[in-house]
């Protein structure tokens, strides 16, 4: 019997060192249509989820913000406007194609001067400890192989008094909503993926990865294990999405 360590990629078990490569391939495939798919999948509601995450972040002028798994930069763009010329936003992703799309979008919006870009694996953040006022990760933690390691790193790079925000798909709070959500996720999403991106498999992975992600209470406990205090979460759309917040005190 093989003793090779494995982890989940959706519902599949794959070697641990293979997951990051597979995740990169998924987002390479969908990068150019990522924003359109977000609007279609959520019927635009993702903008409200992100707005609330911004409000919970406590970011102010002059702050230094690390945005992990930035994608095309929805959160990073808003933070750049808040921190102003005296602050800085570091926009990161493990996927070069996604980071490239995000950089082009930021330039189109005129976000220059206070935005930096870096290819970053959230499990091994290449910045000094006690550097950032806020760290965020929007819809990216479920793709990380070692989530506890990523949370440990998020805690490490925060300044004392800083806070972490995790915006992620989560677990519906009612069984009836869960049944409807399952039907939507495994029927509608792959169909949308087939039409818009020509890649239904990537959106089937999306649905599966959400089901494998820790529920709200488990993720809060994991944050506490990493050292975060005053951990709490805010459910949106019946728990389909949750925002977790924790402080480094």
C-alpha atoms as a PDB file:
ATOM      1  CA  UNK A   1       0.000   0.000   0.000  1.00  0.00           C
ATOM      2  CA  UNK A   2       1.332   3.443  -0.912  1.00  0.00           C
ATOM      3  CA  UNK A   3       2.196   5.740   2.013  1.00  0.00           C
ATOM      4  CA  UNK A   4       2.099   8.855  -0.188  1.00  0.00           C
ATOM      5  CA  UNK A   5       0.233  11.639   1.589  1.00  0.00           C
ATOM      6  CA  UNK A   6      -2.867  12.895  -0.170  1.00  0.00           C
ATOM      7  CA  UNK A   7      -5.379  15.728   0.108  1.00  0.00           C
ATOM      8  CA  UNK A   8      -8.690  16.505  -1.491  1.00  0.00           C
ATOM      9  CA  UNK A   9      -9.099  18.245  -4.842  1.00  0.00           C
ATOM     10  CA  UNK A  10     -12.840  18.585  -4.890  1.00  0.00           C
ATOM     11  CA  UNK A  11     -14.049  15.055  -4.187  1.00  0.00           C
ATOM     12  CA  UNK A  12     -10.857  13.456  -5.528  1.00  0.00           C
ATOM     13  CA  UNK A  13      -7.853  12.465  -3.440  1.00  0.00           C
ATOM     14  CA  UNK A  14      -4.594  13.653  -5.003  1.00  0.00           C
ATOM     15  CA  UNK A  15      -0.962  13.787  -3.822  1.00  0.00           C
ATOM     16  CA  UNK A  16      -0.419  16.822  -1.581  1.00  0.00           C
ATOM     17  CA  UNK A  17       2.230  18.333  -3.847  1.00  0.00           C
ATOM     18  CA  UNK A  18      -0.093  18.043  -6.854  1.00  0.00           C
ATOM     19  CA  UNK A  19      -3.053  20.062  -5.551  1.00  0.00           C
ATOM     20  CA  UNK A  20      -1.554  23.524  -6.073  1.00  0.00           C
ATOM     21  CA  UNK A  21      -0.752  22.627  -9.691  1.00  0.00           C
ATOM     22  CA  UNK A  22      -4.312  21.463 -10.305  1.00  0.00           C
ATOM     23  CA  UNK A  23      -5.767  24.599  -8.734  1.00  0.00           C
ATOM     24  CA  UNK A  24      -3.534  26.743 -10.962  1.00  0.00           C
ATOM     25  CA  UNK A  25      -4.808  24.863 -14.028  1.00  0.00           C
ATOM     26  CA  UNK A  26      -8.413  25.518 -13.009  1.00  0.00           C
ATOM     27  CA  UNK A  27      -7.849  29.258 -12.766  1.00  0.00           C
ATOM     28  CA  UNK A  28      -5.671  29.390 -15.876  1.00  0.00           C
ATOM     29  CA  UNK A  29      -8.714  28.035 -17.693  1.00  0.00           C
ATOM     30  CA  UNK A  30     -11.248  30.545 -16.345  1.00  0.00           C
ATOM     31  CA  UNK A  31      -9.145  33.689 -15.750  1.00  0.00           C
ATOM     32  CA  UNK A  32     -10.380  35.750 -18.690  1.00  0.00           C
ATOM     33  CA  UNK A  33     -14.065  35.091 -17.868  1.00  0.00           C
ATOM     34  CA  UNK A  34     -13.727  35.024 -14.084  1.00  0.00           C
ATOM     35  CA  UNK A  35     -15.546  38.307 -13.392  1.00  0.00           C
ATOM     36  CA  UNK A  36     -18.396  37.502 -15.754  1.00  0.00           C
ATOM     37  CA  UNK A  37     -18.877  34.109 -14.136  1.00  0.00           C
ATOM     38  CA  UNK A  38     -18.896  35.671 -10.664  1.00  0.00           C
ATOM     39  CA  UNK A  39     -21.725  37.972 -11.702  1.00  0.00           C
ATOM     40  CA  UNK A  40     -23.688  35.155 -13.320  1.00  0.00           C
ATOM     41  CA  UNK A  41     -23.164  32.636 -10.512  1.00  0.00           C
ATOM     42  CA  UNK A  42     -24.159  34.996  -7.700  1.00  0.00           C
ATOM     43  CA  UNK A  43     -26.560  37.203  -9.693  1.00  0.00           C
ATOM     44  CA  UNK A  44     -24.355  40.109  -8.649  1.00  0.00           C
ATOM     45  CA  UNK A  45     -24.742  39.487  -4.912  1.00  0.00           C
ATOM     46  CA  UNK A  46     -20.993  38.893  -4.532  1.00  0.00           C
ATOM     47  CA  UNK A  47     -20.590  42.674  -4.613  1.00  0.00           C
ATOM     48  CA  UNK A  48     -22.634  42.985  -1.397  1.00  0.00           C
ATOM     49  CA  UNK A  49     -20.602  40.236   0.301  1.00  0.00           C
ATOM     50  CA  UNK A  50     -17.376  42.025  -0.593  1.00  0.00           C
ATOM     51  CA  UNK A  51     -18.725  45.393   0.528  1.00  0.00           C
ATOM     52  CA  UNK A  52     -19.463  43.979   3.967  1.00  0.00           C
ATOM     53  CA  UNK A  53     -15.967  42.456   4.164  1.00  0.00           C
ATOM     54  CA  UNK A  54     -14.498  45.887   3.428  1.00  0.00           C
ATOM     55  CA  UNK A  55     -16.624  47.421   6.180  1.00  0.00           C
ATOM     56  CA  UNK A  56     -15.511  44.762   8.672  1.00  0.00           C
ATOM     57  CA  UNK A  57     -11.835  45.216   7.813  1.00  0.00           C
ATOM     58  CA  UNK A  58     -11.403  48.507   9.666  1.00  0.00           C
ATOM     59  CA  UNK A  59      -8.887  49.603   7.023  1.00  0.00           C
ATOM     60  CA  UNK A  60      -8.053  53.313   7.133  1.00  0.00           C
ATOM     61  CA  UNK A  61      -5.898  55.823   5.321  1.00  0.00           C
ATOM     62  CA  UNK A  62      -2.212  54.981   5.541  1.00  0.00           C
ATOM     63  CA  UNK A  63      -2.738  51.296   6.356  1.00  0.00           C
ATOM     64  CA  UNK A  64      -0.780  48.449   4.799  1.00  0.00           C
ATOM     65  CA  UNK A  65      -3.032  45.659   3.482  1.00  0.00           C
ATOM     66  CA  UNK A  66      -2.178  42.194   2.182  1.00  0.00           C
ATOM     67  CA  UNK A  67      -4.848  40.698  -0.079  1.00  0.00           C
ATOM     68  CA  UNK A  68      -4.255  36.991  -0.645  1.00  0.00           C
ATOM     69  CA  UNK A  69      -5.787  35.141  -3.609  1.00  0.00           C
ATOM     70  CA  UNK A  70      -6.704  38.531  -5.059  1.00  0.00           C
ATOM     71  CA  UNK A  71      -8.004  37.155  -8.345  1.00  0.00           C
ATOM     72  CA  UNK A  72      -9.015  40.110 -10.469  1.00  0.00           C
ATOM     73  CA  UNK A  73      -8.738  42.511  -7.555  1.00  0.00           C
ATOM     74  CA  UNK A  74     -12.222  43.408  -6.312  1.00  0.00           C
ATOM     75  CA  UNK A  75     -11.107  43.712  -2.690  1.00  0.00           C
ATOM     76  CA  UNK A  76      -7.653  45.103  -3.504  1.00  0.00           C
ATOM     77  CA  UNK A  77      -9.111  47.875  -5.647  1.00  0.00           C
ATOM     78  CA  UNK A  78     -11.420  49.057  -2.898  1.00  0.00           C
ATOM     79  CA  UNK A  79      -8.661  48.924  -0.321  1.00  0.00           C
ATOM     80  CA  UNK A  80      -6.384  50.964  -2.588  1.00  0.00           C
ATOM     81  CA  UNK A  81      -8.976  53.723  -2.632  1.00  0.00           C
ATOM     82  CA  UNK A  82      -9.284  53.658   1.162  1.00  0.00           C
ATOM     83  CA  UNK A  83      -5.604  53.589   2.180  1.00  0.00           C
ATOM     84  CA  UNK A  84      -4.739  56.469  -0.165  1.00  0.00           C
ATOM     85  CA  UNK A  85      -1.264  57.506  -1.297  1.00  0.00           C
ATOM     86  CA  UNK A  86       0.213  57.055   2.181  1.00  0.00           C
ATOM     87  CA  UNK A  87      -0.859  53.412   2.381  1.00  0.00           C
ATOM     88  CA  UNK A  88      -0.117  50.336   0.340  1.00  0.00           C
ATOM     89  CA  UNK A  89      -2.059  47.322  -0.877  1.00  0.00           C
ATOM     90  CA  UNK A  90      -0.148  44.180  -1.816  1.00  0.00           C
ATOM     91  CA  UNK A  91      -2.213  42.239  -4.329  1.00  0.00           C
ATOM     92  CA  UNK A  92      -1.250  38.579  -4.544  1.00  0.00           C
ATOM     93  CA  UNK A  93      -2.258  35.289  -6.102  1.00  0.00           C
ATOM     94  CA  UNK A  94      -0.669  31.887  -6.569  1.00  0.00           C
ATOM     95  CA  UNK A  95      -1.859  31.930 -10.189  1.00  0.00           C
ATOM     96  CA  UNK A  96       0.038  34.136 -12.645  1.00  0.00           C
ATOM     97  CA  UNK A  97      -2.844  34.318 -15.118  1.00  0.00           C
ATOM     98  CA  UNK A  98      -5.259  35.549 -12.456  1.00  0.00           C
ATOM     99  CA  UNK A  99      -2.734  38.046 -11.078  1.00  0.00           C
ATOM    100  CA  UNK A 100      -2.123  39.322 -14.607  1.00  0.00           C
ATOM    101  CA  UNK A 101      -5.839  39.839 -15.169  1.00  0.00           C
ATOM    102  CA  UNK A 102      -6.058  41.642 -11.844  1.00  0.00           C
ATOM    103  CA  UNK A 103      -3.106  43.895 -12.616  1.00  0.00           C
ATOM    104  CA  UNK A 104      -4.583  44.903 -15.972  1.00  0.00           C
ATOM    105  CA  UNK A 105      -7.882  45.686 -14.321  1.00  0.00           C
ATOM    106  CA  UNK A 106      -6.207  47.796 -11.627  1.00  0.00           C
ATOM    107  CA  UNK A 107      -4.287  49.758 -14.239  1.00  0.00           C
ATOM    108  CA  UNK A 108      -7.498  50.353 -16.195  1.00  0.00           C
ATOM    109  CA  UNK A 109      -9.009  51.787 -13.011  1.00  0.00           C
ATOM    110  CA  UNK A 110      -6.040  54.061 -12.477  1.00  0.00           C
ATOM    111  CA  UNK A 111      -4.917  52.229  -9.339  1.00  0.00           C
ATOM    112  CA  UNK A 112      -1.211  53.029  -9.481  1.00  0.00           C
ATOM    113  CA  UNK A 113       1.348  54.124  -6.933  1.00  0.00           C
ATOM    114  CA  UNK A 114      -0.025  52.399  -3.854  1.00  0.00           C
ATOM    115  CA  UNK A 115      -0.578  48.878  -5.242  1.00  0.00           C
ATOM    116  CA  UNK A 116       2.090  46.195  -5.425  1.00  0.00           C
ATOM    117  CA  UNK A 117       1.832  42.744  -7.027  1.00  0.00           C
ATOM    118  CA  UNK A 118       3.343  39.450  -5.963  1.00  0.00           C
ATOM    119  CA  UNK A 119       2.951  35.748  -6.736  1.00  0.00           C
ATOM    120  CA  UNK A 120       2.300  34.255  -3.304  1.00  0.00           C
ATOM    121  CA  UNK A 121       1.442  30.856  -1.887  1.00  0.00           C
ATOM    122  CA  UNK A 122      -0.673  31.581   1.199  1.00  0.00           C
ATOM    123  CA  UNK A 123       1.040  28.738   3.064  1.00  0.00           C
ATOM    124  CA  UNK A 124       4.438  30.478   2.744  1.00  0.00           C
ATOM    125  CA  UNK A 125       3.893  34.236   2.724  1.00  0.00           C
ATOM    126  CA  UNK A 126       7.201  35.938   1.765  1.00  0.00           C
ATOM    127  CA  UNK A 127       6.905  38.962   4.073  1.00  0.00           C
ATOM    128  CA  UNK A 128       8.322  39.801   7.484  1.00  0.00           C
ATOM    129  CA  UNK A 129       6.327  39.190  10.643  1.00  0.00           C
ATOM    130  CA  UNK A 130       4.282  42.083  12.081  1.00  0.00           C
ATOM    131  CA  UNK A 131       4.103  43.930   8.734  1.00  0.00           C
ATOM    132  CA  UNK A 132       0.434  44.436   7.801  1.00  0.00           C
ATOM    133  CA  UNK A 133      -2.527  46.166   9.422  1.00  0.00           C
ATOM    134  CA  UNK A 134      -4.980  43.873   7.671  1.00  0.00           C
ATOM    135  CA  UNK A 135      -4.851  40.628   5.716  1.00  0.00           C
ATOM    136  CA  UNK A 136      -7.733  39.396   3.593  1.00  0.00           C
ATOM    137  CA  UNK A 137      -8.476  36.355   1.487  1.00  0.00           C
ATOM    138  CA  UNK A 138     -11.629  36.310  -0.618  1.00  0.00           C
ATOM    139  CA  UNK A 139     -12.864  32.989  -2.011  1.00  0.00           C
ATOM    140  CA  UNK A 140      -9.379  31.528  -1.898  1.00  0.00           C
ATOM    141  CA  UNK A 141      -8.887  29.678   1.359  1.00  0.00           C
ATOM    142  CA  UNK A 142     -10.803  26.609   0.196  1.00  0.00           C
ATOM    143  CA  UNK A 143      -8.214  26.140  -2.581  1.00  0.00           C
ATOM    144  CA  UNK A 144      -5.271  26.122  -0.169  1.00  0.00           C
ATOM    145  CA  UNK A 145      -3.803  22.686   0.517  1.00  0.00           C
ATOM    146  CA  UNK A 146      -2.849  23.301   4.168  1.00  0.00           C
ATOM    147  CA  UNK A 147      -5.406  25.761   5.481  1.00  0.00           C
ATOM    148  CA  UNK A 148      -4.025  25.745   9.019  1.00  0.00           C
ATOM    149  CA  UNK A 149      -0.580  26.691   7.695  1.00  0.00           C
ATOM    150  CA  UNK A 150      -2.127  29.572   5.754  1.00  0.00           C
ATOM    151  CA  UNK A 151      -3.948  30.815   8.861  1.00  0.00           C
ATOM    152  CA  UNK A 152      -0.682  30.575  10.828  1.00  0.00           C
ATOM    153  CA  UNK A 153       1.028  32.696   8.174  1.00  0.00           C
ATOM    154  CA  UNK A 154      -1.785  35.243   8.127  1.00  0.00           C
ATOM    155  CA  UNK A 155      -1.421  35.627  11.886  1.00  0.00           C
ATOM    156  CA  UNK A 156       2.376  35.928  11.667  1.00  0.00           C
ATOM    157  CA  UNK A 157       2.492  38.779   9.146  1.00  0.00           C
ATOM    158  CA  UNK A 158      -0.099  40.896  10.958  1.00  0.00           C
ATOM    159  CA  UNK A 159       0.968  43.707  13.248  1.00  0.00           C
ATOM    160  CA  UNK A 160      -0.293  43.511  16.828  1.00  0.00           C
ATOM    161  CA  UNK A 161      -3.772  45.016  16.696  1.00  0.00           C
ATOM    162  CA  UNK A 162      -4.242  43.901  13.087  1.00  0.00           C
ATOM    163  CA  UNK A 163      -7.129  41.839  11.816  1.00  0.00           C
ATOM    164  CA  UNK A 164      -7.767  39.074   9.305  1.00  0.00           C
ATOM    165  CA  UNK A 165     -10.843  38.780   7.092  1.00  0.00           C
ATOM    166  CA  UNK A 166     -11.768  35.532   5.348  1.00  0.00           C
ATOM    167  CA  UNK A 167     -14.596  35.759   2.822  1.00  0.00           C
ATOM    168  CA  UNK A 168     -15.522  32.286   1.641  1.00  0.00           C
ATOM    169  CA  UNK A 169     -18.304  29.999   0.522  1.00  0.00           C
ATOM    170  CA  UNK A 170     -19.554  28.108   3.540  1.00  0.00           C
ATOM    171  CA  UNK A 171     -22.386  25.849   4.695  1.00  0.00           C
ATOM    172  CA  UNK A 172     -26.098  26.772   4.456  1.00  0.00           C
ATOM    173  CA  UNK A 173     -27.790  26.990   7.841  1.00  0.00           C
ATOM    174  CA  UNK A 174     -30.972  25.171   6.805  1.00  0.00           C
ATOM    175  CA  UNK A 175     -31.470  21.749   5.220  1.00  0.00           C
ATOM    176  CA  UNK A 176     -34.033  23.050   2.722  1.00  0.00           C
ATOM    177  CA  UNK A 177     -31.647  25.748   1.480  1.00  0.00           C
ATOM    178  CA  UNK A 178     -28.851  23.185   1.353  1.00  0.00           C
ATOM    179  CA  UNK A 179     -30.885  20.952  -0.974  1.00  0.00           C
ATOM    180  CA  UNK A 180     -31.674  23.840  -3.320  1.00  0.00           C
ATOM    181  CA  UNK A 181     -28.044  24.961  -3.223  1.00  0.00           C
ATOM    182  CA  UNK A 182     -26.807  21.464  -4.080  1.00  0.00           C
ATOM    183  CA  UNK A 183     -29.129  21.312  -7.082  1.00  0.00           C
ATOM    184  CA  UNK A 184     -27.925  24.708  -8.265  1.00  0.00           C
ATOM    185  CA  UNK A 185     -24.247  23.918  -7.652  1.00  0.00           C
ATOM    186  CA  UNK A 186     -24.094  20.568  -9.413  1.00  0.00           C
ATOM    187  CA  UNK A 187     -26.495  21.300 -12.271  1.00  0.00           C
ATOM    188  CA  UNK A 188     -26.542  25.030 -13.046  1.00  0.00           C
ATOM    189  CA  UNK A 189     -22.914  25.948 -12.319  1.00  0.00           C
ATOM    190  CA  UNK A 190     -21.313  23.360 -14.632  1.00  0.00           C
ATOM    191  CA  UNK A 191     -23.804  24.332 -17.339  1.00  0.00           C
ATOM    192  CA  UNK A 192     -22.849  28.003 -16.977  1.00  0.00           C
ATOM    193  CA  UNK A 193     -19.198  27.009 -17.061  1.00  0.00           C
ATOM    194  CA  UNK A 194     -19.747  25.080 -20.275  1.00  0.00           C
ATOM    195  CA  UNK A 195     -21.459  28.038 -21.963  1.00  0.00           C
ATOM    196  CA  UNK A 196     -19.296  30.911 -20.720  1.00  0.00           C
ATOM    197  CA  UNK A 197     -15.822  29.415 -20.256  1.00  0.00           C
ATOM    198  CA  UNK A 198     -16.106  26.152 -22.246  1.00  0.00           C
ATOM    199  CA  UNK A 199     -14.942  24.449 -19.071  1.00  0.00           C
ATOM    200  CA  UNK A 200     -17.688  22.790 -16.996  1.00  0.00           C
ATOM    201  CA  UNK A 201     -15.116  20.752 -15.088  1.00  0.00           C
ATOM    202  CA  UNK A 202     -13.636  23.800 -13.363  1.00  0.00           C
ATOM    203  CA  UNK A 203     -17.037  24.778 -12.007  1.00  0.00           C
ATOM    204  CA  UNK A 204     -17.780  21.232 -10.944  1.00  0.00           C
ATOM    205  CA  UNK A 205     -14.537  21.472  -8.943  1.00  0.00           C
ATOM    206  CA  UNK A 206     -15.802  24.766  -7.486  1.00  0.00           C
ATOM    207  CA  UNK A 207     -18.962  23.085  -6.193  1.00  0.00           C
ATOM    208  CA  UNK A 208     -17.021  20.153  -4.780  1.00  0.00           C
ATOM    209  CA  UNK A 209     -14.351  22.317  -3.134  1.00  0.00           C
ATOM    210  CA  UNK A 210     -17.054  24.279  -1.305  1.00  0.00           C
ATOM    211  CA  UNK A 211     -18.484  21.059   0.159  1.00  0.00           C
ATOM    212  CA  UNK A 212     -15.035  20.027   1.381  1.00  0.00           C
ATOM    213  CA  UNK A 213     -14.342  23.391   3.050  1.00  0.00           C
ATOM    214  CA  UNK A 214     -14.641  23.590   6.872  1.00  0.00           C
ATOM    215  CA  UNK A 215     -17.981  24.833   8.192  1.00  0.00           C
ATOM    216  CA  UNK A 216     -18.329  28.116  10.043  1.00  0.00           C
ATOM    217  CA  UNK A 217     -17.603  26.854  13.548  1.00  0.00           C
ATOM    218  CA  UNK A 218     -14.704  24.664  12.425  1.00  0.00           C
ATOM    219  CA  UNK A 219     -13.026  27.560  10.621  1.00  0.00           C
ATOM    220  CA  UNK A 220     -13.470  29.808  13.638  1.00  0.00           C
ATOM    221  CA  UNK A 221     -11.787  27.143  15.794  1.00  0.00           C
ATOM    222  CA  UNK A 222      -8.932  26.879  13.288  1.00  0.00           C
ATOM    223  CA  UNK A 223      -8.384  30.637  13.473  1.00  0.00           C
ATOM    224  CA  UNK A 224      -8.208  30.415  17.262  1.00  0.00           C
ATOM    225  CA  UNK A 225      -5.664  27.601  16.953  1.00  0.00           C
ATOM    226  CA  UNK A 226      -3.478  29.943  14.880  1.00  0.00           C
ATOM    227  CA  UNK A 227      -3.581  32.555  17.646  1.00  0.00           C
ATOM    228  CA  UNK A 228      -6.394  34.838  16.526  1.00  0.00           C
ATOM    229  CA  UNK A 229      -8.613  36.294  19.224  1.00  0.00           C
ATOM    230  CA  UNK A 230     -12.163  37.677  19.277  1.00  0.00           C
ATOM    231  CA  UNK A 231     -12.938  35.407  16.315  1.00  0.00           C
ATOM    232  CA  UNK A 232     -16.432  35.720  14.864  1.00  0.00           C
ATOM    233  CA  UNK A 233     -18.270  35.121  11.629  1.00  0.00           C
ATOM    234  CA  UNK A 234     -21.107  36.700   9.706  1.00  0.00           C
ATOM    235  CA  UNK A 235     -23.351  34.557   7.528  1.00  0.00           C
ATOM    236  CA  UNK A 236     -24.649  35.855   4.216  1.00  0.00           C
ATOM    237  CA  UNK A 237     -27.348  34.415   1.969  1.00  0.00           C
ATOM    238  CA  UNK A 238     -28.351  31.823   4.535  1.00  0.00           C
ATOM    239  CA  UNK A 239     -24.797  30.688   5.195  1.00  0.00           C
ATOM    240  CA  UNK A 240     -23.899  30.074   1.560  1.00  0.00           C
ATOM    241  CA  UNK A 241     -21.155  32.604   2.229  1.00  0.00           C
ATOM    242  CA  UNK A 242     -19.551  33.577   5.526  1.00  0.00           C
ATOM    243  CA  UNK A 243     -17.094  36.285   6.532  1.00  0.00           C
ATOM    244  CA  UNK A 244     -14.761  35.311   9.369  1.00  0.00           C
ATOM    245  CA  UNK A 245     -12.862  37.942  11.313  1.00  0.00           C
ATOM    246  CA  UNK A 246     -10.101  37.560  13.887  1.00  0.00           C
ATOM    247  CA  UNK A 247      -7.602  39.857  15.610  1.00  0.00           C
ATOM    248  CA  UNK A 248      -3.938  39.644  16.500  1.00  0.00           C
ATOM    249  CA  UNK A 249      -3.899  41.244  19.932  1.00  0.00           C
END
